[in-house]
Amino acid sequence: MALGERRTNAQAILDIYRLGYLTDSMHVVDLTFGRGSWWKLWAPVHFTANDLYEPCANQYDYACLPWSNSKFDAVPFDPPYKLKGTGGSHESDKLYGVATPYEHWTAMFREIHEGIDEACRVLKPGGTLLLKTMDQVSGADIRWTGGFVRPAERLGCQHVMNLHVSGYRRQPEGKTQRRPRQDFSTMHVLVKELVEEWR
């Protein structure tokens, strides 16, 4: 597979590794949902799993992590950015952890900001933050999730590149389409500044 030919998170991770933002010596803490589908083509040697919903050694809320400041070399963060609405509107919602009761998008975005704060806190200076987003349609409005990069930048992470991961979800039954379908998500790659001034 050539660099840039990606349709999955795993292919994006392999590209990031090939570009040198992930290395075999890094200690990675996984703040993604589920069983680690990101790591099918490249996997770190030093790996700390964390998942609230899947059985593993660590089951911590990403907004309240137990680890000390600057502990990990890389932090992949893939929050449940799909707007929940009434929950369970698509067969894949359970797979992505969003088949839950209604939560207003502003509350969900606030939780994601808290998770970004924690991801930046536990990331070492010089380390890599992988932040996954996908703009979401809510009725006739679009909620632009690419803005999640800004809190990380304010906490000392430099945004170095984006990789797009293509994919498609069909329109849920009974829903009226008012916007063009967004057929990709974005993997933002950020590097934490070496001079740490943690507040």
Foldseek 3Di string as FASTA:
>chain_A
DDQQPAQDLLSVVVNCVVVPQDDQPWAEEEQAEDDCPNPPNHDHPHYHYEDCPDDDPHDDQLLDDPDAFAAGQEYEHEALLEQQAQADLAPCCVVRVRRDGHDGNVVSVVSVLSSLLSSNRHHHAQGKYKYKFDWYDDQQDIDDPVCSVVSNVVQAKAFDDKRKHFADDDDGPPDDDNDDDGGIMIIIIIGGHNDGDGD
